[in-house]
């Protein structure tokens, strides 16, 4: 249950961040909005980390360098989401974003990328993705 609550919180924050960044980008530019967002995110994460004190900086040496680049994806995410919202609106952008996430996570699960345990996908999972894609197409009409 806790995982589902955090998933909903994360999803809500992604949407709110996209809308806020789109508004910020109208005033200062998209890459500038991404920079401000990343900076405020780093500050908040650092404050939470200092408050919770779970883990230490020395443990970062154990992380594979490739995985440390994961945060760099956020700049591309922000730019892409803001640009999409400006062109196709919030609802369709988030719908397309969710389908892209789901399709890529399917590949991650099936192939066991990033050390994830391989998952067997069956017909119901493929039907579910197909239904989501059909729903977005209907939404766009």
Protein backbone atom coordinates (compact mmCIF):
# COMPACT_ATOMS: atom_id res chain seq x y z
CA UNK A 1 0.00 0.00 0.00
CA UNK A 2 2.82 2.39 0.85
CA UNK A 3 4.36 1.85 -2.58
CA UNK A 4 1.10 2.73 -4.30
CA UNK A 5 0.76 5.92 -2.24
CA UNK A 6 4.28 7.00 -3.16
CA UNK A 7 3.61 6.16 -6.82
CA UNK A 8 0.53 8.41 -6.78
CA UNK A 9 2.49 11.16 -5.01
CA UNK A 10 5.29 10.90 -7.58
CA UNK A 11 2.85 10.96 -10.46
CA UNK A 12 1.06 14.00 -9.08
CA UNK A 13 4.38 15.80 -8.57
CA UNK A 14 5.52 14.99 -12.12
CA UNK A 15 2.36 16.59 -13.47
CA UNK A 16 2.59 19.64 -11.21
CA UNK A 17 6.27 20.05 -12.03
CA UNK A 18 5.55 19.90 -15.76
CA UNK A 19 2.84 22.56 -15.54
CA UNK A 20 4.97 24.80 -13.29
CA UNK A 21 8.02 24.42 -15.54
CA UNK A 22 5.94 25.30 -18.59
CA UNK A 23 4.82 28.50 -16.89
CA UNK A 24 8.37 29.31 -15.72
CA UNK A 25 9.75 28.66 -19.22
CA UNK A 26 7.40 31.28 -20.66
CA UNK A 27 9.16 33.87 -18.51
CA UNK A 28 12.80 32.76 -18.63
CA UNK A 29 13.18 29.97 -21.22
CA UNK A 30 12.96 26.19 -21.15
CA UNK A 31 16.58 25.33 -20.33
CA UNK A 32 16.60 28.03 -17.66
CA UNK A 33 13.43 26.54 -16.15
CA UNK A 34 15.10 23.11 -16.18
CA UNK A 35 18.12 24.58 -14.41
CA UNK A 36 16.01 26.26 -11.72
CA UNK A 37 14.03 23.05 -11.22
CA UNK A 38 17.16 20.92 -10.94
CA UNK A 39 18.75 23.37 -8.52
CA UNK A 40 15.73 23.54 -6.24
CA UNK A 41 15.46 19.75 -6.41
CA UNK A 42 19.09 19.32 -5.34
CA UNK A 43 18.62 21.75 -2.47
CA UNK A 44 15.46 20.01 -1.23
CA UNK A 45 16.99 16.54 -1.58
CA UNK A 46 20.12 17.66 0.31
CA UNK A 47 18.01 19.16 3.12
CA UNK A 48 15.93 15.99 3.43
CA UNK A 49 19.10 13.88 3.35
CA UNK A 50 20.68 15.98 6.12
CA UNK A 51 17.48 15.74 8.16
CA UNK A 52 16.98 11.98 7.77
CA UNK A 53 20.70 11.10 7.87
CA UNK A 54 20.13 7.84 5.97
CA UNK A 55 23.41 6.91 4.35
CA UNK A 56 26.58 8.90 3.84
CA UNK A 57 28.58 10.43 1.00
CA UNK A 58 31.24 7.68 1.14
CA UNK A 59 28.63 5.15 -0.02
CA UNK A 60 28.39 6.97 -3.37
CA UNK A 61 31.75 5.46 -4.33
CA UNK A 62 30.03 2.07 -4.50
CA UNK A 63 27.61 3.21 -7.23
CA UNK A 64 28.55 2.42 -10.82
CA UNK A 65 29.42 5.69 -12.62
CA UNK A 66 26.86 4.94 -15.35
CA UNK A 67 24.07 4.98 -12.77
CA UNK A 68 25.20 8.33 -11.38
CA UNK A 69 24.26 9.84 -14.74
CA UNK A 70 20.61 8.99 -14.03
CA UNK A 71 20.00 12.48 -12.69
CA UNK A 72 21.16 13.96 -15.98
CA UNK A 73 18.08 12.46 -17.61
CA UNK A 74 16.01 14.94 -15.59
CA UNK A 75 17.22 17.84 -17.74
CA UNK A 76 16.02 16.05 -20.87
CA UNK A 77 12.78 15.06 -19.14
CA UNK A 78 12.03 18.63 -18.12
CA UNK A 79 12.85 20.09 -21.54
CA UNK A 80 10.84 17.42 -23.37
CA UNK A 81 7.83 17.67 -21.07
CA UNK A 82 7.71 21.47 -21.17
CA UNK A 83 8.04 21.52 -24.96
CA UNK A 84 5.34 18.85 -25.33
CA UNK A 85 2.94 20.68 -22.99
CA UNK A 86 3.41 23.86 -25.02
CA UNK A 87 2.54 21.99 -28.23
CA UNK A 88 -0.10 19.41 -27.26
CA UNK A 89 -1.34 20.34 -23.78
CA UNK A 90 -0.99 18.83 -20.33
CA UNK A 91 -3.41 15.89 -20.58
CA UNK A 92 -2.10 14.47 -23.84
CA UNK A 93 1.52 15.07 -22.81
CA UNK A 94 1.16 13.20 -19.53
CA UNK A 95 -0.76 10.40 -21.26
CA UNK A 96 1.96 9.97 -23.87
CA UNK A 97 4.64 10.25 -21.19
CA UNK A 98 3.05 7.46 -19.16
CA UNK A 99 2.83 5.18 -22.19
CA UNK A 100 6.47 5.84 -23.05
CA UNK A 101 7.43 5.05 -19.44
CA UNK A 102 5.39 1.88 -19.43
CA UNK A 103 6.81 0.63 -22.74
CA UNK A 104 10.40 1.28 -21.66
CA UNK A 105 9.86 -0.32 -18.25
CA UNK A 106 8.45 -3.32 -20.09
CA UNK A 107 11.77 -3.61 -21.93
CA UNK A 108 13.72 -3.16 -18.69
CA UNK A 109 11.69 -5.91 -17.00
CA UNK A 110 11.82 -8.33 -19.93
CA UNK A 111 15.57 -7.90 -20.48
CA UNK A 112 16.68 -7.49 -16.86
CA UNK A 113 18.50 -4.23 -17.58
CA UNK A 114 20.15 -2.32 -14.70
CA UNK A 115 20.25 -5.45 -12.57
CA UNK A 116 16.46 -5.76 -12.40
CA UNK A 117 15.18 -9.33 -12.09
CA UNK A 118 13.80 -10.45 -15.46
CA UNK A 119 10.04 -10.67 -15.61
CA UNK A 120 7.91 -12.84 -17.89
CA UNK A 121 5.28 -10.80 -19.69
CA UNK A 122 2.11 -12.54 -20.77
CA UNK A 123 -0.84 -11.66 -22.95
CA UNK A 124 -2.73 -9.68 -20.25
CA UNK A 125 0.20 -7.25 -19.87
CA UNK A 126 0.35 -6.68 -23.63
CA UNK A 127 -3.42 -6.19 -23.76
CA UNK A 128 -3.14 -3.65 -20.92
CA UNK A 129 -0.56 -1.59 -22.78
CA UNK A 130 -2.65 -1.81 -25.95
CA UNK A 131 -5.70 -0.56 -24.05
CA UNK A 132 -3.72 2.38 -22.66
CA UNK A 133 -2.49 3.32 -26.13
CA UNK A 134 -6.04 3.01 -27.51
CA UNK A 135 -7.29 5.19 -24.65
CA UNK A 136 -4.80 7.93 -25.46
CA UNK A 137 -5.74 7.80 -29.14
CA UNK A 138 -9.42 8.11 -28.18
CA UNK A 139 -8.53 10.95 -25.80
CA UNK A 140 -6.79 12.82 -28.60
CA UNK A 141 -9.78 12.46 -30.97
